[in-house]
């Protein structure tokens, strides 16, 4: 299952609005084939793994399938995976977690068990759920998962008052920032950041292909923005959205309708403070840079600095001279656990 989860992560950033899923087919100690879901409309991970077996001149008959999410049982852009699994003669399916999609939610497992396949549920469920938090949030509520990204000095500043230190973070941190953009379906900034920095908000990762440019979202009270901004003039200007005087929850509802699962907020302290004040930040991605500025804008503007907003540490590592910290808001970590099925399934 760990190998299946590793494969699933390859779909981060490209599988939306579908979840990232990985699958491995084994017989005894031998891996017969493996696959992951690359993009909506392309084969799901289970079918990728089955086709991999056939390409290698073997057959999945009598094999065990490890998959990170319950196989689908309805026809969408592709046929149901359950039908293909039953046709191929696979005898055992081990699933990390139930699909939170109300159209599935255990129905795929029931069909497999009803077809005589031994089904086991639960290995590495928490890891699979962690991977799929944005999908779980979106499919159950219609709203995206919101990640607040900031690069700050040790005293919580995101730049000098004069604005002459545009980059606080180092090269390795900037590469990680583009990885966060790769994982996102939309990148959010405020009007002040758009006017002051004229950002491109594009994904620039060498060697990475196959991703549609995320939506570039500007929230503005007045809607007055210079026509010459790169967001309105570059080659992907059709991927820019401006929300004028929209409450932030309504912005996210509209993005959810556009099949946005994950939003990366890159605005300044005012936007971060507003998101915090309304309880809309689910995850933080903080680049802590080894310097003290003493002045300049704060990462979260007062008076929105809130006490009692706690994040569970997800990742902490060194990137060059910077420290990268990733955390999930505890309320979010506890509210997105989809009701599902547990234990072992066995055919009668």
C-alpha atoms as a PDB file:
ATOM      1  CA  UNK A   1       0.000   0.000   0.000  1.00  0.00           C
ATOM      2  CA  UNK A   2       2.905   2.355   0.633  1.00  0.00           C
ATOM      3  CA  UNK A   3       3.959   1.890  -2.986  1.00  0.00           C
ATOM      4  CA  UNK A   4       0.396   2.654  -4.110  1.00  0.00           C
ATOM      5  CA  UNK A   5       0.404   5.869  -2.036  1.00  0.00           C
ATOM      6  CA  UNK A   6       3.744   6.856  -3.539  1.00  0.00           C
ATOM      7  CA  UNK A   7       2.278   6.389  -7.010  1.00  0.00           C
ATOM      8  CA  UNK A   8      -0.851   8.352  -6.077  1.00  0.00           C
ATOM      9  CA  UNK A   9       1.250  11.396  -5.183  1.00  0.00           C
ATOM     10  CA  UNK A  10       2.411  11.538  -8.805  1.00  0.00           C
ATOM     11  CA  UNK A  11      -1.108  12.662  -9.670  1.00  0.00           C
ATOM     12  CA  UNK A  12      -1.054  15.668  -7.338  1.00  0.00           C
ATOM     13  CA  UNK A  13      -1.703  18.781  -9.392  1.00  0.00           C
ATOM     14  CA  UNK A  14      -2.972  17.014 -12.512  1.00  0.00           C
ATOM     15  CA  UNK A  15      -5.795  14.679 -11.410  1.00  0.00           C
ATOM     16  CA  UNK A  16      -8.276  17.405 -10.334  1.00  0.00           C
ATOM     17  CA  UNK A  17     -11.211  17.389  -9.997  1.00  0.00           C
ATOM     18  CA  UNK A  18     -10.608  13.687  -9.388  1.00  0.00           C
ATOM     19  CA  UNK A  19      -8.580  12.527  -6.378  1.00  0.00           C
ATOM     20  CA  UNK A  20      -4.982  11.313  -6.730  1.00  0.00           C
ATOM     21  CA  UNK A  21      -5.077   7.506  -6.622  1.00  0.00           C
ATOM     22  CA  UNK A  22      -2.411   4.808  -6.932  1.00  0.00           C
ATOM     23  CA  UNK A  23      -2.753   1.065  -7.525  1.00  0.00           C
ATOM     24  CA  UNK A  24      -0.452  -1.978  -7.466  1.00  0.00           C
ATOM     25  CA  UNK A  25      -1.228  -5.548  -8.612  1.00  0.00           C
ATOM     26  CA  UNK A  26       0.719  -8.378  -6.988  1.00  0.00           C
ATOM     27  CA  UNK A  27       0.778 -12.164  -7.013  1.00  0.00           C
ATOM     28  CA  UNK A  28       2.639 -13.646  -4.083  1.00  0.00           C
ATOM     29  CA  UNK A  29       5.784 -11.564  -3.676  1.00  0.00           C
ATOM     30  CA  UNK A  30       5.852 -10.407  -7.312  1.00  0.00           C
ATOM     31  CA  UNK A  31       4.607  -7.010  -8.500  1.00  0.00           C
ATOM     32  CA  UNK A  32       2.741  -7.597 -11.753  1.00  0.00           C
ATOM     33  CA  UNK A  33       1.847  -3.997 -12.608  1.00  0.00           C
ATOM     34  CA  UNK A  34       1.135  -0.573 -11.192  1.00  0.00           C
ATOM     35  CA  UNK A  35      -0.395   2.746 -12.132  1.00  0.00           C
ATOM     36  CA  UNK A  36      -1.821   6.065 -10.966  1.00  0.00           C
ATOM     37  CA  UNK A  37      -4.552   8.419 -12.103  1.00  0.00           C
ATOM     38  CA  UNK A  38      -2.957  11.092 -14.268  1.00  0.00           C
ATOM     39  CA  UNK A  39      -5.795  13.340 -15.371  1.00  0.00           C
ATOM     40  CA  UNK A  40      -9.600  13.504 -15.426  1.00  0.00           C
ATOM     41  CA  UNK A  41     -10.825  11.649 -18.497  1.00  0.00           C
ATOM     42  CA  UNK A  42      -7.839   9.308 -18.567  1.00  0.00           C
ATOM     43  CA  UNK A  43      -7.922   5.767 -17.084  1.00  0.00           C
ATOM     44  CA  UNK A  44      -8.146   5.474 -13.305  1.00  0.00           C
ATOM     45  CA  UNK A  45      -5.293   3.969 -11.306  1.00  0.00           C
ATOM     46  CA  UNK A  46      -6.813   0.467 -11.190  1.00  0.00           C
ATOM     47  CA  UNK A  47      -7.153   0.332 -14.988  1.00  0.00           C
ATOM     48  CA  UNK A  48      -3.631   1.749 -15.416  1.00  0.00           C
ATOM     49  CA  UNK A  49      -2.290  -1.074 -13.230  1.00  0.00           C
ATOM     50  CA  UNK A  50      -4.275  -3.735 -15.125  1.00  0.00           C
ATOM     51  CA  UNK A  51      -3.071  -2.417 -18.489  1.00  0.00           C
ATOM     52  CA  UNK A  52       0.496  -2.393 -17.151  1.00  0.00           C
ATOM     53  CA  UNK A  53       0.155  -6.105 -16.354  1.00  0.00           C
ATOM     54  CA  UNK A  54      -1.032  -6.866 -19.882  1.00  0.00           C
ATOM     55  CA  UNK A  55       1.729  -4.760 -21.457  1.00  0.00           C
ATOM     56  CA  UNK A  56       4.255  -6.934 -19.630  1.00  0.00           C
ATOM     57  CA  UNK A  57       2.726 -10.079 -21.135  1.00  0.00           C
ATOM     58  CA  UNK A  58       1.066 -11.278 -17.933  1.00  0.00           C
ATOM     59  CA  UNK A  59      -2.480 -11.583 -16.616  1.00  0.00           C
ATOM     60  CA  UNK A  60      -4.034 -10.185 -13.411  1.00  0.00           C
ATOM     61  CA  UNK A  61      -6.176 -13.283 -12.914  1.00  0.00           C
ATOM     62  CA  UNK A  62      -5.877 -14.503  -9.326  1.00  0.00           C
ATOM     63  CA  UNK A  63      -3.876 -11.406  -8.295  1.00  0.00           C
ATOM     64  CA  UNK A  64      -4.312  -9.009  -5.362  1.00  0.00           C
ATOM     65  CA  UNK A  65      -5.015  -5.344  -6.082  1.00  0.00           C
ATOM     66  CA  UNK A  66      -3.817  -2.679  -3.650  1.00  0.00           C
ATOM     67  CA  UNK A  67      -5.510   0.670  -4.258  1.00  0.00           C
ATOM     68  CA  UNK A  68      -5.514   3.865  -2.203  1.00  0.00           C
ATOM     69  CA  UNK A  69      -9.219   4.678  -2.752  1.00  0.00           C
ATOM     70  CA  UNK A  70     -12.339   2.576  -3.220  1.00  0.00           C
ATOM     71  CA  UNK A  71     -12.784   1.655  -6.913  1.00  0.00           C
ATOM     72  CA  UNK A  72     -15.587   3.593  -8.588  1.00  0.00           C
ATOM     73  CA  UNK A  73     -18.856   1.867  -9.479  1.00  0.00           C
ATOM     74  CA  UNK A  74     -20.506   4.545 -11.657  1.00  0.00           C
ATOM     75  CA  UNK A  75     -19.794   5.761 -15.177  1.00  0.00           C
ATOM     76  CA  UNK A  76     -18.355   9.261 -15.404  1.00  0.00           C
ATOM     77  CA  UNK A  77     -15.760  10.301 -17.968  1.00  0.00           C
ATOM     78  CA  UNK A  78     -14.549   6.699 -17.840  1.00  0.00           C
ATOM     79  CA  UNK A  79     -16.297   3.327 -17.275  1.00  0.00           C
ATOM     80  CA  UNK A  80     -16.632   1.929 -13.730  1.00  0.00           C
ATOM     81  CA  UNK A  81     -13.397   0.401 -12.438  1.00  0.00           C
ATOM     82  CA  UNK A  82     -15.378  -2.230 -10.521  1.00  0.00           C
ATOM     83  CA  UNK A  83     -16.557  -3.782 -13.809  1.00  0.00           C
ATOM     84  CA  UNK A  84     -13.006  -4.081 -15.126  1.00  0.00           C
ATOM     85  CA  UNK A  85     -11.725  -5.614 -11.872  1.00  0.00           C
ATOM     86  CA  UNK A  86     -14.481  -8.257 -11.960  1.00  0.00           C
ATOM     87  CA  UNK A  87     -13.804  -9.084 -15.629  1.00  0.00           C
ATOM     88  CA  UNK A  88     -10.074  -9.531 -15.070  1.00  0.00           C
ATOM     89  CA  UNK A  89     -10.472 -12.284 -12.474  1.00  0.00           C
ATOM     90  CA  UNK A  90      -8.720 -10.434  -9.649  1.00  0.00           C
ATOM     91  CA  UNK A  91      -9.450 -12.364  -6.468  1.00  0.00           C
ATOM     92  CA  UNK A  92      -8.543  -9.907  -3.677  1.00  0.00           C
ATOM     93  CA  UNK A  93      -8.793  -6.128  -3.374  1.00  0.00           C
ATOM     94  CA  UNK A  94      -7.170  -4.194  -0.521  1.00  0.00           C
ATOM     95  CA  UNK A  95      -8.370  -0.577  -0.206  1.00  0.00           C
ATOM     96  CA  UNK A  96      -6.928   2.190   1.979  1.00  0.00           C
ATOM     97  CA  UNK A  97     -10.126   4.259   2.318  1.00  0.00           C
ATOM     98  CA  UNK A  98     -13.757   4.456   1.254  1.00  0.00           C
ATOM     99  CA  UNK A  99     -14.539   6.961  -1.500  1.00  0.00           C
ATOM    100  CA  UNK A 100     -16.298   9.944   0.185  1.00  0.00           C
ATOM    101  CA  UNK A 101     -18.196  10.650  -3.056  1.00  0.00           C
ATOM    102  CA  UNK A 102     -21.882  10.124  -2.118  1.00  0.00           C
ATOM    103  CA  UNK A 103     -22.342   8.217  -5.398  1.00  0.00           C
ATOM    104  CA  UNK A 104     -19.885   5.573  -4.201  1.00  0.00           C
ATOM    105  CA  UNK A 105     -19.279   5.445  -0.414  1.00  0.00           C
ATOM    106  CA  UNK A 106     -18.984   1.681  -0.085  1.00  0.00           C
ATOM    107  CA  UNK A 107     -21.088   0.681  -3.094  1.00  0.00           C
ATOM    108  CA  UNK A 108     -17.995  -0.254  -5.088  1.00  0.00           C
ATOM    109  CA  UNK A 109     -16.754  -2.465  -2.270  1.00  0.00           C
ATOM    110  CA  UNK A 110     -20.169  -4.103  -1.961  1.00  0.00           C
ATOM    111  CA  UNK A 111     -20.231  -4.909  -5.671  1.00  0.00           C
ATOM    112  CA  UNK A 112     -16.764  -6.419  -5.534  1.00  0.00           C
ATOM    113  CA  UNK A 113     -17.690  -8.543  -2.526  1.00  0.00           C
ATOM    114  CA  UNK A 114     -20.934  -9.547  -4.211  1.00  0.00           C
ATOM    115  CA  UNK A 115     -18.898 -10.684  -7.207  1.00  0.00           C
ATOM    116  CA  UNK A 116     -16.922 -13.115  -5.067  1.00  0.00           C
ATOM    117  CA  UNK A 117     -13.845 -10.947  -4.492  1.00  0.00           C
ATOM    118  CA  UNK A 118     -12.292 -10.819  -1.028  1.00  0.00           C
ATOM    119  CA  UNK A 119     -12.204  -7.165   0.028  1.00  0.00           C
ATOM    120  CA  UNK A 120     -10.191  -5.685   2.876  1.00  0.00           C
ATOM    121  CA  UNK A 121     -10.453  -2.055   3.938  1.00  0.00           C
ATOM    122  CA  UNK A 122      -8.269   0.155   6.066  1.00  0.00           C
ATOM    123  CA  UNK A 123      -4.482  -0.312   5.661  1.00  0.00           C
ATOM    124  CA  UNK A 124      -2.799   3.136   5.801  1.00  0.00           C
ATOM    125  CA  UNK A 125      -6.196   4.821   5.852  1.00  0.00           C
ATOM    126  CA  UNK A 126      -4.911   7.949   7.618  1.00  0.00           C
ATOM    127  CA  UNK A 127      -2.147   8.419   5.045  1.00  0.00           C
ATOM    128  CA  UNK A 128      -4.662   8.056   2.217  1.00  0.00           C
ATOM    129  CA  UNK A 129      -7.033  10.496   3.917  1.00  0.00           C
ATOM    130  CA  UNK A 130      -4.210  12.990   4.389  1.00  0.00           C
ATOM    131  CA  UNK A 131      -3.434  12.817   0.676  1.00  0.00           C
ATOM    132  CA  UNK A 132      -7.073  13.334  -0.264  1.00  0.00           C
ATOM    133  CA  UNK A 133      -8.104  16.102   2.139  1.00  0.00           C
ATOM    134  CA  UNK A 134      -8.825  18.603  -0.696  1.00  0.00           C
ATOM    135  CA  UNK A 135     -10.960  16.057  -2.554  1.00  0.00           C
ATOM    136  CA  UNK A 136     -12.820  15.060   0.617  1.00  0.00           C
ATOM    137  CA  UNK A 137     -13.562  18.721   1.403  1.00  0.00           C
ATOM    138  CA  UNK A 138     -14.759  19.486  -2.131  1.00  0.00           C
ATOM    139  CA  UNK A 139     -16.844  16.366  -2.805  1.00  0.00           C
ATOM    140  CA  UNK A 140     -18.649  16.599   0.557  1.00  0.00           C
ATOM    141  CA  UNK A 141     -19.133  20.386   0.826  1.00  0.00           C
ATOM    142  CA  UNK A 142     -18.503  21.917  -2.608  1.00  0.00           C
ATOM    143  CA  UNK A 143     -15.771  24.141  -1.146  1.00  0.00           C
ATOM    144  CA  UNK A 144     -12.019  23.935  -1.817  1.00  0.00           C
ATOM    145  CA  UNK A 145      -9.198  23.301   0.647  1.00  0.00           C
ATOM    146  CA  UNK A 146      -7.324  26.570   1.355  1.00  0.00           C
ATOM    147  CA  UNK A 147      -3.544  26.676   1.851  1.00  0.00           C
ATOM    148  CA  UNK A 148      -2.008  29.926   3.114  1.00  0.00           C
ATOM    149  CA  UNK A 149       1.558  30.355   1.838  1.00  0.00           C
ATOM    150  CA  UNK A 150       3.891  32.933   3.385  1.00  0.00           C
ATOM    151  CA  UNK A 151       7.620  33.667   3.445  1.00  0.00           C
ATOM    152  CA  UNK A 152       8.505  35.611   6.585  1.00  0.00           C
ATOM    153  CA  UNK A 153      11.441  36.887   8.568  1.00  0.00           C
ATOM    154  CA  UNK A 154      11.996  35.692  12.128  1.00  0.00           C
ATOM    155  CA  UNK A 155       9.996  38.687  13.361  1.00  0.00           C
ATOM    156  CA  UNK A 156       7.023  37.877  11.119  1.00  0.00           C
ATOM    157  CA  UNK A 157       7.664  40.403   8.339  1.00  0.00           C
ATOM    158  CA  UNK A 158       7.038  39.643   4.658  1.00  0.00           C
ATOM    159  CA  UNK A 159       9.089  42.570   3.327  1.00  0.00           C
ATOM    160  CA  UNK A 160      10.612  45.900   4.235  1.00  0.00           C
ATOM    161  CA  UNK A 161       8.495  49.018   4.470  1.00  0.00           C
ATOM    162  CA  UNK A 162      10.196  50.350   1.341  1.00  0.00           C
ATOM    163  CA  UNK A 163       9.517  47.090  -0.486  1.00  0.00           C
ATOM    164  CA  UNK A 164      13.103  46.691  -1.712  1.00  0.00           C
ATOM    165  CA  UNK A 165      13.479  43.087  -0.471  1.00  0.00           C
ATOM    166  CA  UNK A 166      11.135  41.239  -2.783  1.00  0.00           C
ATOM    167  CA  UNK A 167      12.630  37.812  -2.101  1.00  0.00           C
ATOM    168  CA  UNK A 168      13.159  36.877   1.523  1.00  0.00           C
ATOM    169  CA  UNK A 169      13.456  33.163   0.822  1.00  0.00           C
ATOM    170  CA  UNK A 170      16.246  31.307  -0.949  1.00  0.00           C
ATOM    171  CA  UNK A 171      16.342  29.345  -4.194  1.00  0.00           C
ATOM    172  CA  UNK A 172      15.304  26.018  -2.658  1.00  0.00           C
ATOM    173  CA  UNK A 173      12.293  27.639  -0.988  1.00  0.00           C
ATOM    174  CA  UNK A 174      11.213  29.239  -4.252  1.00  0.00           C
ATOM    175  CA  UNK A 175      11.318  25.829  -5.942  1.00  0.00           C
ATOM    176  CA  UNK A 176       9.096  24.478  -3.180  1.00  0.00           C
ATOM    177  CA  UNK A 177       6.728  27.430  -3.664  1.00  0.00           C
ATOM    178  CA  UNK A 178       6.310  26.428  -7.298  1.00  0.00           C
ATOM    179  CA  UNK A 179       5.638  22.861  -6.194  1.00  0.00           C
ATOM    180  CA  UNK A 180       2.811  24.224  -4.050  1.00  0.00           C
ATOM    181  CA  UNK A 181       1.498  26.051  -7.108  1.00  0.00           C
ATOM    182  CA  UNK A 182       1.702  22.808  -9.075  1.00  0.00           C
ATOM    183  CA  UNK A 183      -0.528  21.097  -6.500  1.00  0.00           C
ATOM    184  CA  UNK A 184      -3.075  23.951  -6.568  1.00  0.00           C
ATOM    185  CA  UNK A 185      -6.083  24.488  -8.821  1.00  0.00           C
ATOM    186  CA  UNK A 186      -6.226  28.210  -8.057  1.00  0.00           C
ATOM    187  CA  UNK A 187      -3.840  30.860  -6.713  1.00  0.00           C
ATOM    188  CA  UNK A 188      -5.389  33.687  -4.698  1.00  0.00           C
ATOM    189  CA  UNK A 189      -4.073  37.214  -4.097  1.00  0.00           C
ATOM    190  CA  UNK A 190      -5.528  40.524  -2.998  1.00  0.00           C
ATOM    191  CA  UNK A 191      -5.742  43.635  -5.149  1.00  0.00           C
ATOM    192  CA  UNK A 192      -2.893  45.306  -3.255  1.00  0.00           C
ATOM    193  CA  UNK A 193      -0.505  42.449  -4.062  1.00  0.00           C
ATOM    194  CA  UNK A 194      -1.617  42.482  -7.706  1.00  0.00           C
ATOM    195  CA  UNK A 195      -0.969  46.223  -8.036  1.00  0.00           C
ATOM    196  CA  UNK A 196       2.281  46.345  -6.070  1.00  0.00           C
ATOM    197  CA  UNK A 197       4.041  43.176  -7.273  1.00  0.00           C
ATOM    198  CA  UNK A 198       2.446  42.608 -10.701  1.00  0.00           C
ATOM    199  CA  UNK A 199       2.872  38.839 -10.183  1.00  0.00           C
ATOM    200  CA  UNK A 200       2.580  36.234 -12.942  1.00  0.00           C
ATOM    201  CA  UNK A 201       1.247  33.531 -10.565  1.00  0.00           C
ATOM    202  CA  UNK A 202       2.218  30.829 -13.055  1.00  0.00           C
ATOM    203  CA  UNK A 203       3.651  27.378 -12.388  1.00  0.00           C
ATOM    204  CA  UNK A 204       7.307  27.171 -13.383  1.00  0.00           C
ATOM    205  CA  UNK A 205       8.739  23.755 -12.552  1.00  0.00           C
ATOM    206  CA  UNK A 206      11.445  22.445 -14.911  1.00  0.00           C
ATOM    207  CA  UNK A 207      10.611  19.037 -16.358  1.00  0.00           C
ATOM    208  CA  UNK A 208       6.973  19.049 -15.157  1.00  0.00           C
ATOM    209  CA  UNK A 209       4.347  18.894 -17.886  1.00  0.00           C
ATOM    210  CA  UNK A 210       0.676  18.068 -18.280  1.00  0.00           C
ATOM    211  CA  UNK A 211      -0.854  20.611 -15.913  1.00  0.00           C
ATOM    212  CA  UNK A 212      -3.359  23.267 -16.872  1.00  0.00           C
ATOM    213  CA  UNK A 213      -2.423  26.692 -15.535  1.00  0.00           C
ATOM    214  CA  UNK A 214      -4.261  27.191 -12.206  1.00  0.00           C
ATOM    215  CA  UNK A 215      -6.905  29.896 -12.006  1.00  0.00           C
ATOM    216  CA  UNK A 216      -5.331  33.193 -10.934  1.00  0.00           C
ATOM    217  CA  UNK A 217      -7.788  34.846  -8.593  1.00  0.00           C
ATOM    218  CA  UNK A 218      -7.794  38.484  -7.455  1.00  0.00           C
ATOM    219  CA  UNK A 219     -10.136  39.675  -4.717  1.00  0.00           C
ATOM    220  CA  UNK A 220     -10.751  43.419  -4.724  1.00  0.00           C
ATOM    221  CA  UNK A 221     -13.195  45.744  -3.007  1.00  0.00           C
ATOM    222  CA  UNK A 222     -13.208  48.339  -5.790  1.00  0.00           C
ATOM    223  CA  UNK A 223     -12.332  46.192  -8.787  1.00  0.00           C
ATOM    224  CA  UNK A 224      -9.991  48.943  -9.963  1.00  0.00           C
ATOM    225  CA  UNK A 225      -6.891  47.221 -11.298  1.00  0.00           C
ATOM    226  CA  UNK A 226      -4.378  48.412 -13.949  1.00  0.00           C
ATOM    227  CA  UNK A 227      -5.142  46.969 -17.389  1.00  0.00           C
ATOM    228  CA  UNK A 228      -1.431  46.397 -18.032  1.00  0.00           C
ATOM    229  CA  UNK A 229      -0.965  43.857 -15.228  1.00  0.00           C
ATOM    230  CA  UNK A 230       0.594  40.598 -16.412  1.00  0.00           C
ATOM    231  CA  UNK A 231      -2.432  38.738 -15.111  1.00  0.00           C
ATOM    232  CA  UNK A 232      -4.494  40.522 -17.818  1.00  0.00           C
ATOM    233  CA  UNK A 233      -1.975  40.572 -20.665  1.00  0.00           C
ATOM    234  CA  UNK A 234       0.071  37.347 -20.696  1.00  0.00           C
ATOM    235  CA  UNK A 235      -0.554  34.170 -22.701  1.00  0.00           C
ATOM    236  CA  UNK A 236      -2.842  32.636 -20.029  1.00  0.00           C
ATOM    237  CA  UNK A 237      -4.869  35.762 -19.265  1.00  0.00           C
ATOM    238  CA  UNK A 238      -8.100  33.782 -19.772  1.00  0.00           C
ATOM    239  CA  UNK A 239      -7.222  31.949 -16.525  1.00  0.00           C
ATOM    240  CA  UNK A 240      -7.529  35.166 -14.470  1.00  0.00           C
ATOM    241  CA  UNK A 241     -10.635  35.830 -12.370  1.00  0.00           C
ATOM    242  CA  UNK A 242     -11.460  39.049 -10.507  1.00  0.00           C
ATOM    243  CA  UNK A 243     -13.999  39.030  -7.665  1.00  0.00           C
ATOM    244  CA  UNK A 244     -15.166  42.554  -6.885  1.00  0.00           C
ATOM    245  CA  UNK A 245     -16.541  43.113  -3.380  1.00  0.00           C
ATOM    246  CA  UNK A 246     -17.356  39.419  -2.915  1.00  0.00           C
ATOM    247  CA  UNK A 247     -17.385  37.922   0.612  1.00  0.00           C
ATOM    248  CA  UNK A 248     -14.540  35.415   0.792  1.00  0.00           C
ATOM    249  CA  UNK A 249     -16.816  32.419   1.516  1.00  0.00           C
ATOM    250  CA  UNK A 250     -18.733  33.209  -1.685  1.00  0.00           C
ATOM    251  CA  UNK A 251     -15.456  33.373  -3.630  1.00  0.00           C
ATOM    252  CA  UNK A 252     -14.623  29.847  -2.504  1.00  0.00           C
ATOM    253  CA  UNK A 253     -18.126  28.611  -3.278  1.00  0.00           C
ATOM    254  CA  UNK A 254     -17.754  29.883  -6.843  1.00  0.00           C
ATOM    255  CA  UNK A 255     -14.311  28.330  -7.172  1.00  0.00           C
ATOM    256  CA  UNK A 256     -15.787  25.045  -5.957  1.00  0.00           C
ATOM    257  CA  UNK A 257     -18.356  25.244  -8.747  1.00  0.00           C
ATOM    258  CA  UNK A 258     -15.415  25.588 -11.149  1.00  0.00           C
ATOM    259  CA  UNK A 259     -14.041  22.276  -9.830  1.00  0.00           C
ATOM    260  CA  UNK A 260     -11.279  23.880  -7.774  1.00  0.00           C
ATOM    261  CA  UNK A 261     -10.194  21.470  -5.031  1.00  0.00           C
ATOM    262  CA  UNK A 262      -7.167  23.311  -3.643  1.00  0.00           C
ATOM    263  CA  UNK A 263      -6.565  27.069  -3.378  1.00  0.00           C
ATOM    264  CA  UNK A 264      -3.109  28.493  -2.659  1.00  0.00           C
ATOM    265  CA  UNK A 265      -3.424  31.923  -1.007  1.00  0.00           C
ATOM    266  CA  UNK A 266      -0.344  34.042  -1.744  1.00  0.00           C
ATOM    267  CA  UNK A 267      -1.611  37.477  -0.783  1.00  0.00           C
ATOM    268  CA  UNK A 268      -0.221  39.827   1.820  1.00  0.00           C
ATOM    269  CA  UNK A 269      -1.022  40.285   5.475  1.00  0.00           C
ATOM    270  CA  UNK A 270      -4.451  41.830   4.936  1.00  0.00           C
ATOM    271  CA  UNK A 271      -5.749  38.899   2.920  1.00  0.00           C
ATOM    272  CA  UNK A 272      -4.166  36.354   5.290  1.00  0.00           C
ATOM    273  CA  UNK A 273      -5.732  38.155   8.254  1.00  0.00           C
ATOM    274  CA  UNK A 274      -9.165  38.165   6.645  1.00  0.00           C
ATOM    275  CA  UNK A 275      -8.924  34.461   5.793  1.00  0.00           C
ATOM    276  CA  UNK A 276      -7.892  33.689   9.371  1.00  0.00           C
ATOM    277  CA  UNK A 277     -10.613  35.863  10.863  1.00  0.00           C
ATOM    278  CA  UNK A 278     -13.266  33.964   8.902  1.00  0.00           C
ATOM    279  CA  UNK A 279     -11.781  30.558   9.690  1.00  0.00           C
ATOM    280  CA  UNK A 280     -11.079  29.805   6.038  1.00  0.00           C
ATOM    281  CA  UNK A 281      -7.444  28.670   6.226  1.00  0.00           C
ATOM    282  CA  UNK A 282      -7.147  24.888   6.369  1.00  0.00           C
ATOM    283  CA  UNK A 283      -3.398  24.556   5.949  1.00  0.00           C
ATOM    284  CA  UNK A 284      -0.333  26.759   6.287  1.00  0.00           C
ATOM    285  CA  UNK A 285       2.851  26.564   4.235  1.00  0.00           C
ATOM    286  CA  UNK A 286       5.379  28.818   5.941  1.00  0.00           C
ATOM    287  CA  UNK A 287       8.920  29.611   4.775  1.00  0.00           C
ATOM    288  CA  UNK A 288      10.786  30.969   7.791  1.00  0.00           C
ATOM    289  CA  UNK A 289      13.832  32.957   6.676  1.00  0.00           C
ATOM    290  CA  UNK A 290      16.858  33.584   8.986  1.00  0.00           C
ATOM    291  CA  UNK A 291      16.693  37.371   9.215  1.00  0.00           C
ATOM    292  CA  UNK A 292      15.153  40.105  11.351  1.00  0.00           C
ATOM    293  CA  UNK A 293      13.760  43.084   9.433  1.00  0.00           C
ATOM    294  CA  UNK A 294      12.428  45.162  12.324  1.00  0.00           C
ATOM    295  CA  UNK A 295       9.925  46.948  10.099  1.00  0.00           C
ATOM    296  CA  UNK A 296       7.664  46.338   7.152  1.00  0.00           C
ATOM    297  CA  UNK A 297       4.339  44.562   6.591  1.00  0.00           C
ATOM    298  CA  UNK A 298       3.423  41.641   8.807  1.00  0.00           C
ATOM    299  CA  UNK A 299       2.502  38.208   7.509  1.00  0.00           C
ATOM    300  CA  UNK A 300      -0.852  38.592   9.280  1.00  0.00           C
ATOM    301  CA  UNK A 301      -2.023  42.169   9.677  1.00  0.00           C
ATOM    302  CA  UNK A 302      -3.456  43.419  12.959  1.00  0.00           C
ATOM    303  CA  UNK A 303      -6.251  43.498  14.096  1.00  0.00           C
ATOM    304  CA  UNK A 304      -6.875  40.063  12.580  1.00  0.00           C
ATOM    305  CA  UNK A 305      -4.173  38.298  14.597  1.00  0.00           C
ATOM    306  CA  UNK A 306      -6.116  35.609  16.360  1.00  0.00           C
ATOM    307  CA  UNK A 307      -5.286  33.706  19.491  1.00  0.00           C
ATOM    308  CA  UNK A 308      -6.339  30.086  19.674  1.00  0.00           C
ATOM    309  CA  UNK A 309      -5.942  29.169  15.989  1.00  0.00           C
ATOM    310  CA  UNK A 310      -3.902  25.978  16.219  1.00  0.00           C
ATOM    311  CA  UNK A 311      -2.288  23.950  13.458  1.00  0.00           C
ATOM    312  CA  UNK A 312      -1.124  20.370  13.643  1.00  0.00           C
ATOM    313  CA  UNK A 313       2.427  20.023  12.333  1.00  0.00           C
ATOM    314  CA  UNK A 314       2.486  18.070   9.079  1.00  0.00           C
ATOM    315  CA  UNK A 315       6.002  18.733   7.806  1.00  0.00           C
ATOM    316  CA  UNK A 316       9.097  20.594   8.929  1.00  0.00           C
ATOM    317  CA  UNK A 317      12.340  20.585   6.988  1.00  0.00           C
ATOM    318  CA  UNK A 318      15.293  22.713   6.046  1.00  0.00           C
ATOM    319  CA  UNK A 319      15.459  24.245   2.566  1.00  0.00           C
ATOM    320  CA  UNK A 320      18.857  25.839   2.152  1.00  0.00           C
ATOM    321  CA  UNK A 321      19.042  28.435   4.931  1.00  0.00           C
ATOM    322  CA  UNK A 322      15.252  28.554   5.324  1.00  0.00           C
ATOM    323  CA  UNK A 323      12.911  26.419   7.396  1.00  0.00           C
ATOM    324  CA  UNK A 324       9.781  25.093   5.682  1.00  0.00           C
ATOM    325  CA  UNK A 325       6.822  24.400   7.986  1.00  0.00           C
ATOM    326  CA  UNK A 326       3.523  22.875   6.906  1.00  0.00           C
ATOM    327  CA  UNK A 327       0.557  22.489   9.251  1.00  0.00           C
ATOM    328  CA  UNK A 328      -3.163  21.645   9.167  1.00  0.00           C
ATOM    329  CA  UNK A 329      -5.703  23.563  11.209  1.00  0.00           C
ATOM    330  CA  UNK A 330      -6.945  21.220  13.893  1.00  0.00           C
ATOM    331  CA  UNK A 331     -10.606  22.019  13.234  1.00  0.00           C
ATOM    332  CA  UNK A 332     -10.131  21.123   9.551  1.00  0.00           C
ATOM    333  CA  UNK A 333      -8.273  17.945  10.413  1.00  0.00           C
ATOM    334  CA  UNK A 334     -11.219  16.768  12.465  1.00  0.00           C
ATOM    335  CA  UNK A 335     -14.179  17.796  10.308  1.00  0.00           C
ATOM    336  CA  UNK A 336     -13.341  16.206   6.966  1.00  0.00           C
ATOM    337  CA  UNK A 337     -13.390  12.577   8.001  1.00  0.00           C
ATOM    338  CA  UNK A 338     -16.017  11.121   5.721  1.00  0.00           C
ATOM    339  CA  UNK A 339     -18.413   8.631   7.189  1.00  0.00           C
ATOM    340  CA  UNK A 340     -17.515   5.282   5.693  1.00  0.00           C
ATOM    341  CA  UNK A 341     -17.087   1.589   6.178  1.00  0.00           C
ATOM    342  CA  UNK A 342     -14.400  -0.075   8.235  1.00  0.00           C
ATOM    343  CA  UNK A 343     -12.966  -3.503   8.924  1.00  0.00           C
ATOM    344  CA  UNK A 344     -12.764  -6.366   6.474  1.00  0.00           C
ATOM    345  CA  UNK A 345     -15.107  -7.315   3.677  1.00  0.00           C
ATOM    346  CA  UNK A 346     -15.353 -10.933   2.623  1.00  0.00           C
ATOM    347  CA  UNK A 347     -17.491 -12.546  -0.010  1.00  0.00           C
ATOM    348  CA  UNK A 348     -19.988 -15.094   1.233  1.00  0.00           C
END
